[in-house]
Amino acid sequence: VCLAGRPARMTGVGDGLHPLAHPLPPAAL
């Protein structure tokens, strides 16, 4: 998921990477 470098849903043992159907809204952490 770090190699992909984009928000995603990660499943399994890290091998399931699912791009988000909708982008996350602007926010800060």
PDB file of all heavy atoms in Angstrom:
ATOM      1  N   VAL A   1       0.835  -1.204   0.000  1.00  0.00           N
ATOM      2  CA  VAL A   1       0.000   0.000   0.000  1.00  0.00           C
ATOM      3  C   VAL A   1       0.867   1.250   0.000  1.00  0.00           C
ATOM      4  O   VAL A   1       0.513   2.266  -0.617  1.00  0.00           O
ATOM      5  CB  VAL A   1      -1.003  -0.013   1.179  1.00  0.00           C
ATOM      6  CG1 VAL A   1      -0.330   0.267   2.511  1.00  0.00           C
ATOM      7  CG2 VAL A   1      -2.128   0.990   0.946  1.00  0.00           C
ATOM      8  N   CYS A   2       2.025   1.195   0.656  1.00  0.00           N
ATOM      9  CA  CYS A   2       2.945   2.334   0.615  1.00  0.00           C
ATOM     10  C   CYS A   2       3.529   2.518  -0.776  1.00  0.00           C
ATOM     11  O   CYS A   2       3.762   3.649  -1.220  1.00  0.00           O
ATOM     12  CB  CYS A   2       4.059   2.150   1.639  1.00  0.00           C
ATOM     13  SG  CYS A   2       3.526   2.312   3.369  1.00  0.00           S
ATOM     14  N   LEU A   3       3.754   1.419  -1.480  1.00  0.00           N
ATOM     15  CA  LEU A   3       4.266   1.509  -2.842  1.00  0.00           C
ATOM     16  C   LEU A   3       3.222   2.132  -3.765  1.00  0.00           C
ATOM     17  O   LEU A   3       3.554   2.931  -4.654  1.00  0.00           O
ATOM     18  CB  LEU A   3       4.673   0.124  -3.335  1.00  0.00           C
ATOM     19  CG  LEU A   3       5.398   0.031  -4.677  1.00  0.00           C
ATOM     20  CD1 LEU A   3       6.683   0.852  -4.671  1.00  0.00           C
ATOM     21  CD2 LEU A   3       5.704  -1.421  -5.008  1.00  0.00           C
ATOM     22  N   ALA A   4       1.953   1.796  -3.557  1.00  0.00           N
ATOM     23  CA  ALA A   4       0.878   2.409  -4.345  1.00  0.00           C
ATOM     24  C   ALA A   4       0.758   3.895  -4.018  1.00  0.00           C
ATOM     25  O   ALA A   4       0.520   4.724  -4.903  1.00  0.00           O
ATOM     26  CB  ALA A   4      -0.432   1.689  -4.098  1.00  0.00           C
ATOM     27  N   GLY A   5       0.895   4.237  -2.734  1.00  0.00           N
ATOM     28  CA  GLY A   5       0.980   5.631  -2.326  1.00  0.00           C
ATOM     29  C   GLY A   5      -0.301   6.429  -2.388  1.00  0.00           C
ATOM     30  O   GLY A   5      -0.269   7.662  -2.368  1.00  0.00           O
ATOM     31  N   ARG A   6      -1.445   5.760  -2.458  1.00  0.00           N
ATOM     32  CA  ARG A   6      -2.727   6.461  -2.519  1.00  0.00           C
ATOM     33  C   ARG A   6      -3.681   5.848  -1.500  1.00  0.00           C
ATOM     34  O   ARG A   6      -3.537   4.668  -1.141  1.00  0.00           O
ATOM     35  CB  ARG A   6      -3.348   6.351  -3.920  1.00  0.00           C
ATOM     36  CG  ARG A   6      -2.494   6.984  -5.023  1.00  0.00           C
ATOM     37  CD  ARG A   6      -3.191   6.914  -6.367  1.00  0.00           C
ATOM     38  NE  ARG A   6      -4.422   7.692  -6.368  1.00  0.00           N
ATOM     39  CZ  ARG A   6      -4.468   9.012  -6.589  1.00  0.00           C
ATOM     40  NH1 ARG A   6      -3.349   9.681  -6.790  1.00  0.00           N
ATOM     41  NH2 ARG A   6      -5.619   9.647  -6.607  1.00  0.00           N
ATOM     42  N   PRO A   7      -4.662   6.627  -1.025  1.00  0.00           N
ATOM     43  CA  PRO A   7      -5.649   6.054  -0.100  1.00  0.00           C
ATOM     44  C   PRO A   7      -6.273   4.793  -0.686  1.00  0.00           C
ATOM     45  O   PRO A   7      -6.565   4.735  -1.884  1.00  0.00           O
ATOM     46  CB  PRO A   7      -6.686   7.173   0.060  1.00  0.00           C
ATOM     47  CG  PRO A   7      -5.942   8.426  -0.254  1.00  0.00           C
ATOM     48  CD  PRO A   7      -4.948   8.050  -1.319  1.00  0.00           C
ATOM     49  N   ALA A   8      -6.447   3.786   0.146  1.00  0.00           N
ATOM     50  CA  ALA A   8      -6.962   2.507  -0.346  1.00  0.00           C
ATOM     51  C   ALA A   8      -7.556   1.726   0.808  1.00  0.00           C
ATOM     52  O   ALA A   8      -7.276   1.992   1.985  1.00  0.00           O
ATOM     53  CB  ALA A   8      -5.842   1.693  -0.999  1.00  0.00           C
ATOM     54  N   ARG A   9      -8.357   0.753   0.460  1.00  0.00           N
ATOM     55  CA  ARG A   9      -8.816  -0.244   1.424  1.00  0.00           C
ATOM     56  C   ARG A   9      -7.867  -1.432   1.315  1.00  0.00           C
ATOM     57  O   ARG A   9      -7.680  -1.983   0.236  1.00  0.00           O
ATOM     58  CB  ARG A   9     -10.251  -0.669   1.117  1.00  0.00           C
ATOM     59  CG  ARG A   9     -10.826  -1.648   2.128  1.00  0.00           C
ATOM     60  CD  ARG A   9     -12.287  -1.931   1.819  1.00  0.00           C
ATOM     61  NE  ARG A   9     -12.929  -2.688   2.886  1.00  0.00           N
ATOM     62  CZ  ARG A   9     -14.251  -2.829   3.001  1.00  0.00           C
ATOM     63  NH1 ARG A   9     -15.052  -2.264   2.094  1.00  0.00           N
ATOM     64  NH2 ARG A   9     -14.770  -3.518   4.009  1.00  0.00           N
ATOM     65  N   MET A  10      -7.263  -1.791   2.434  1.00  0.00           N
ATOM     66  CA  MET A  10      -6.289  -2.874   2.460  1.00  0.00           C
ATOM     67  C   MET A  10      -6.907  -4.071   3.177  1.00  0.00           C
ATOM     68  O   MET A  10      -7.400  -3.938   4.300  1.00  0.00           O
ATOM     69  CB  MET A  10      -5.015  -2.425   3.183  1.00  0.00           C
ATOM     70  CG  MET A  10      -3.914  -3.471   3.221  1.00  0.00           C
ATOM     71  SD  MET A  10      -2.405  -2.831   4.024  1.00  0.00           S
ATOM     72  CE  MET A  10      -2.929  -2.804   5.757  1.00  0.00           C
ATOM     73  N   THR A  11      -6.894  -5.231   2.537  1.00  0.00           N
ATOM     74  CA  THR A  11      -7.500  -6.422   3.121  1.00  0.00           C
ATOM     75  C   THR A  11      -6.504  -7.578   3.097  1.00  0.00           C
ATOM     76  O   THR A  11      -5.401  -7.467   2.570  1.00  0.00           O
ATOM     77  CB  THR A  11      -8.778  -6.820   2.359  1.00  0.00           C
ATOM     78  OG1 THR A  11      -8.448  -7.069   0.983  1.00  0.00           O
ATOM     79  CG2 THR A  11      -9.829  -5.729   2.434  1.00  0.00           C
ATOM     80  N   GLY A  12      -6.941  -8.693   3.669  1.00  0.00           N
ATOM     81  CA  GLY A  12      -6.085  -9.877   3.730  1.00  0.00           C
ATOM     82  C   GLY A  12      -4.882  -9.626   4.622  1.00  0.00           C
ATOM     83  O   GLY A  12      -5.000  -9.048   5.709  1.00  0.00           O
ATOM     84  N   VAL A  13      -3.718 -10.049   4.176  1.00  0.00           N
ATOM     85  CA  VAL A  13      -2.481  -9.825   4.936  1.00  0.00           C
ATOM     86  C   VAL A  13      -1.710  -8.643   4.366  1.00  0.00           C
ATOM     87  O   VAL A  13      -0.505  -8.507   4.568  1.00  0.00           O
ATOM     88  CB  VAL A  13      -1.603 -11.095   4.942  1.00  0.00           C
ATOM     89  CG1 VAL A  13      -2.278 -12.221   5.686  1.00  0.00           C
ATOM     90  CG2 VAL A  13      -1.227 -11.509   3.514  1.00  0.00           C
ATOM     91  N   GLY A  14      -2.433  -7.769   3.662  1.00  0.00           N
ATOM     92  CA  GLY A  14      -1.824  -6.636   2.999  1.00  0.00           C
ATOM     93  C   GLY A  14      -1.773  -6.803   1.500  1.00  0.00           C
ATOM     94  O   GLY A  14      -1.397  -5.876   0.782  1.00  0.00           O
ATOM     95  N   ASP A  15      -2.182  -7.992   1.024  1.00  0.00           N
ATOM     96  CA  ASP A  15      -2.119  -8.278  -0.406  1.00  0.00           C
ATOM     97  C   ASP A  15      -3.348  -7.803  -1.158  1.00  0.00           C
ATOM     98  O   ASP A  15      -3.323  -7.713  -2.392  1.00  0.00           O
ATOM     99  CB  ASP A  15      -1.913  -9.774  -0.640  1.00  0.00           C
ATOM    100  CG  ASP A  15      -2.972 -10.633   0.069  1.00  0.00           C
ATOM    101  OD1 ASP A  15      -3.569 -10.142   1.054  1.00  0.00           O
ATOM    102  OD2 ASP A  15      -3.181 -11.782  -0.333  1.00  0.00           O
ATOM    103  N   GLY A  16      -4.419  -7.506  -0.448  1.00  0.00           N
ATOM    104  CA  GLY A  16      -5.624  -7.002  -1.098  1.00  0.00           C
ATOM    105  C   GLY A  16      -5.655  -5.486  -1.055  1.00  0.00           C
ATOM    106  O   GLY A  16      -5.854  -4.900   0.014  1.00  0.00           O
ATOM    107  N   LEU A  17      -5.437  -4.839  -2.181  1.00  0.00           N
ATOM    108  CA  LEU A  17      -5.474  -3.380  -2.273  1.00  0.00           C
ATOM    109  C   LEU A  17      -6.625  -2.970  -3.175  1.00  0.00           C
ATOM    110  O   LEU A  17      -6.668  -3.350  -4.351  1.00  0.00           O
ATOM    111  CB  LEU A  17      -4.159  -2.828  -2.821  1.00  0.00           C
ATOM    112  CG  LEU A  17      -2.931  -2.971  -1.925  1.00  0.00           C
ATOM    113  CD1 LEU A  17      -1.728  -2.300  -2.574  1.00  0.00           C
ATOM    114  CD2 LEU A  17      -3.191  -2.370  -0.551  1.00  0.00           C
ATOM    115  N   HIS A  18      -7.539  -2.185  -2.632  1.00  0.00           N
ATOM    116  CA  HIS A  18      -8.746  -1.812  -3.348  1.00  0.00           C
ATOM    117  C   HIS A  18      -8.821  -0.286  -3.416  1.00  0.00           C
ATOM    118  O   HIS A  18      -9.039   0.365  -2.382  1.00  0.00           O
ATOM    119  CB  HIS A  18      -9.979  -2.377  -2.644  1.00  0.00           C
ATOM    120  CG  HIS A  18      -9.844  -3.834  -2.274  1.00  0.00           C
ATOM    121  ND1 HIS A  18     -10.063  -4.849  -3.179  1.00  0.00           N
ATOM    122  CD2 HIS A  18      -9.459  -4.429  -1.116  1.00  0.00           C
ATOM    123  CE1 HIS A  18      -9.853  -6.022  -2.581  1.00  0.00           C
ATOM    124  NE2 HIS A  18      -9.483  -5.788  -1.336  1.00  0.00           N
ATOM    125  N   PRO A  19      -8.651   0.306  -4.599  1.00  0.00           N
ATOM    126  CA  PRO A  19      -8.785   1.762  -4.720  1.00  0.00           C
ATOM    127  C   PRO A  19     -10.161   2.213  -4.241  1.00  0.00           C
ATOM    128  O   PRO A  19     -11.155   1.498  -4.406  1.00  0.00           O
ATOM    129  CB  PRO A  19      -8.599   2.014  -6.218  1.00  0.00           C
ATOM    130  CG  PRO A  19      -7.856   0.810  -6.723  1.00  0.00           C
ATOM    131  CD  PRO A  19      -8.323  -0.342  -5.878  1.00  0.00           C
ATOM    132  N   LEU A  20     -10.212   3.389  -3.662  1.00  0.00           N
ATOM    133  CA  LEU A  20     -11.483   3.895  -3.154  1.00  0.00           C
ATOM    134  C   LEU A  20     -12.365   4.338  -4.318  1.00  0.00           C
ATOM    135  O   LEU A  20     -11.904   4.984  -5.266  1.00  0.00           O
ATOM    136  CB  LEU A  20     -11.241   5.065  -2.201  1.00  0.00           C
ATOM    137  CG  LEU A  20     -10.359   4.770  -0.984  1.00  0.00           C
ATOM    138  CD1 LEU A  20     -10.284   5.993  -0.076  1.00  0.00           C
ATOM    139  CD2 LEU A  20     -10.870   3.555  -0.213  1.00  0.00           C
ATOM    140  N   ALA A  21     -13.643   4.001  -4.232  1.00  0.00           N
ATOM    141  CA  ALA A  21     -14.577   4.409  -5.276  1.00  0.00           C
ATOM    142  C   ALA A  21     -14.764   5.917  -5.292  1.00  0.00           C
ATOM    143  O   ALA A  21     -15.049   6.507  -6.340  1.00  0.00           O
ATOM    144  CB  ALA A  21     -15.921   3.717  -5.066  1.00  0.00           C
ATOM    145  N   HIS A  22     -14.600   6.538  -4.125  1.00  0.00           N
ATOM    146  CA  HIS A  22     -14.747   7.984  -4.003  1.00  0.00           C
ATOM    147  C   HIS A  22     -13.543   8.523  -3.241  1.00  0.00           C
ATOM    148  O   HIS A  22     -13.122   7.927  -2.238  1.00  0.00           O
ATOM    149  CB  HIS A  22     -16.038   8.339  -3.260  1.00  0.00           C
ATOM    150  CG  HIS A  22     -17.256   7.638  -3.787  1.00  0.00           C
ATOM    151  ND1 HIS A  22     -17.822   7.961  -4.995  1.00  0.00           N
ATOM    152  CD2 HIS A  22     -17.990   6.630  -3.261  1.00  0.00           C
ATOM    153  CE1 HIS A  22     -18.873   7.181  -5.197  1.00  0.00           C
ATOM    154  NE2 HIS A  22     -18.991   6.362  -4.166  1.00  0.00           N
ATOM    155  N   PRO A  23     -12.979   9.649  -3.641  1.00  0.00           N
ATOM    156  CA  PRO A  23     -11.818  10.188  -2.929  1.00  0.00           C
ATOM    157  C   PRO A  23     -12.191  10.641  -1.525  1.00  0.00           C
ATOM    158  O   PRO A  23     -13.347  11.002  -1.249  1.00  0.00           O
ATOM    159  CB  PRO A  23     -11.390  11.373  -3.804  1.00  0.00           C
ATOM    160  CG  PRO A  23     -12.628  11.766  -4.556  1.00  0.00           C
ATOM    161  CD  PRO A  23     -13.366  10.490  -4.789  1.00  0.00           C
ATOM    162  N   LEU A  24     -11.225  10.603  -0.636  1.00  0.00           N
ATOM    163  CA  LEU A  24     -11.452  11.143   0.696  1.00  0.00           C
ATOM    164  C   LEU A  24     -11.563  12.656   0.619  1.00  0.00           C
ATOM    165  O   LEU A  24     -10.904  13.296  -0.212  1.00  0.00           O
ATOM    166  CB  LEU A  24     -10.292  10.759   1.626  1.00  0.00           C
ATOM    167  CG  LEU A  24     -10.129   9.272   1.932  1.00  0.00           C
ATOM    168  CD1 LEU A  24      -8.885   9.044   2.787  1.00  0.00           C
ATOM    169  CD2 LEU A  24     -11.361   8.708   2.624  1.00  0.00           C
ATOM    170  N   PRO A  25     -12.380  13.261   1.462  1.00  0.00           N
ATOM    171  CA  PRO A  25     -12.510  14.717   1.421  1.00  0.00           C
ATOM    172  C   PRO A  25     -11.249  15.387   1.970  1.00  0.00           C
ATOM    173  O   PRO A  25     -10.475  14.772   2.708  1.00  0.00           O
ATOM    174  CB  PRO A  25     -13.714  14.971   2.333  1.00  0.00           C
ATOM    175  CG  PRO A  25     -13.712  13.827   3.292  1.00  0.00           C
ATOM    176  CD  PRO A  25     -13.235  12.645   2.488  1.00  0.00           C
ATOM    177  N   PRO A  26     -11.006  16.651   1.630  1.00  0.00           N
ATOM    178  CA  PRO A  26      -9.870  17.369   2.206  1.00  0.00           C
ATOM    179  C   PRO A  26      -9.953  17.389   3.727  1.00  0.00           C
ATOM    180  O   PRO A  26     -11.025  17.610   4.304  1.00  0.00           O
ATOM    181  CB  PRO A  26     -10.003  18.780   1.619  1.00  0.00           C
ATOM    182  CG  PRO A  26     -10.816  18.601   0.364  1.00  0.00           C
ATOM    183  CD  PRO A  26     -11.763  17.474   0.667  1.00  0.00           C
ATOM    184  N   ALA A  27      -8.830  17.141   4.372  1.00  0.00           N
ATOM    185  CA  ALA A  27      -8.771  17.105   5.835  1.00  0.00           C
ATOM    186  C   ALA A  27      -7.314  17.247   6.246  1.00  0.00           C
ATOM    187  O   ALA A  27      -6.402  17.181   5.420  1.00  0.00           O
ATOM    188  CB  ALA A  27      -9.357  15.796   6.376  1.00  0.00           C
ATOM    189  N   ALA A  28      -7.112  17.466   7.522  1.00  0.00           N
ATOM    190  CA  ALA A  28      -5.761  17.565   8.058  1.00  0.00           C
ATOM    191  C   ALA A  28      -5.654  16.701   9.298  1.00  0.00           C
ATOM    192  O   ALA A  28      -6.651  16.421   9.977  1.00  0.00           O
ATOM    193  CB  ALA A  28      -5.411  19.013   8.391  1.00  0.00           C
ATOM    194  N   LEU A  29      -4.434  16.267   9.568  1.00  0.00           N
ATOM    195  CA  LEU A  29      -4.169  15.411  10.721  1.00  0.00           C
ATOM    196  C   LEU A  29      -3.136  16.058  11.629  1.00  0.00           C
ATOM    197  O   LEU A  29      -2.262  16.798  11.173  1.00  0.00           O
ATOM    198  CB  LEU A  29      -3.625  14.050  10.276  1.00  0.00           C
ATOM    199  CG  LEU A  29      -4.499  13.181   9.376  1.00  0.00           C
ATOM    200  CD1 LEU A  29      -3.743  11.912   9.002  1.00  0.00           C
ATOM    201  CD2 LEU A  29      -5.816  12.845  10.055  1.00  0.00           C
TER     202      LEU A  29
END
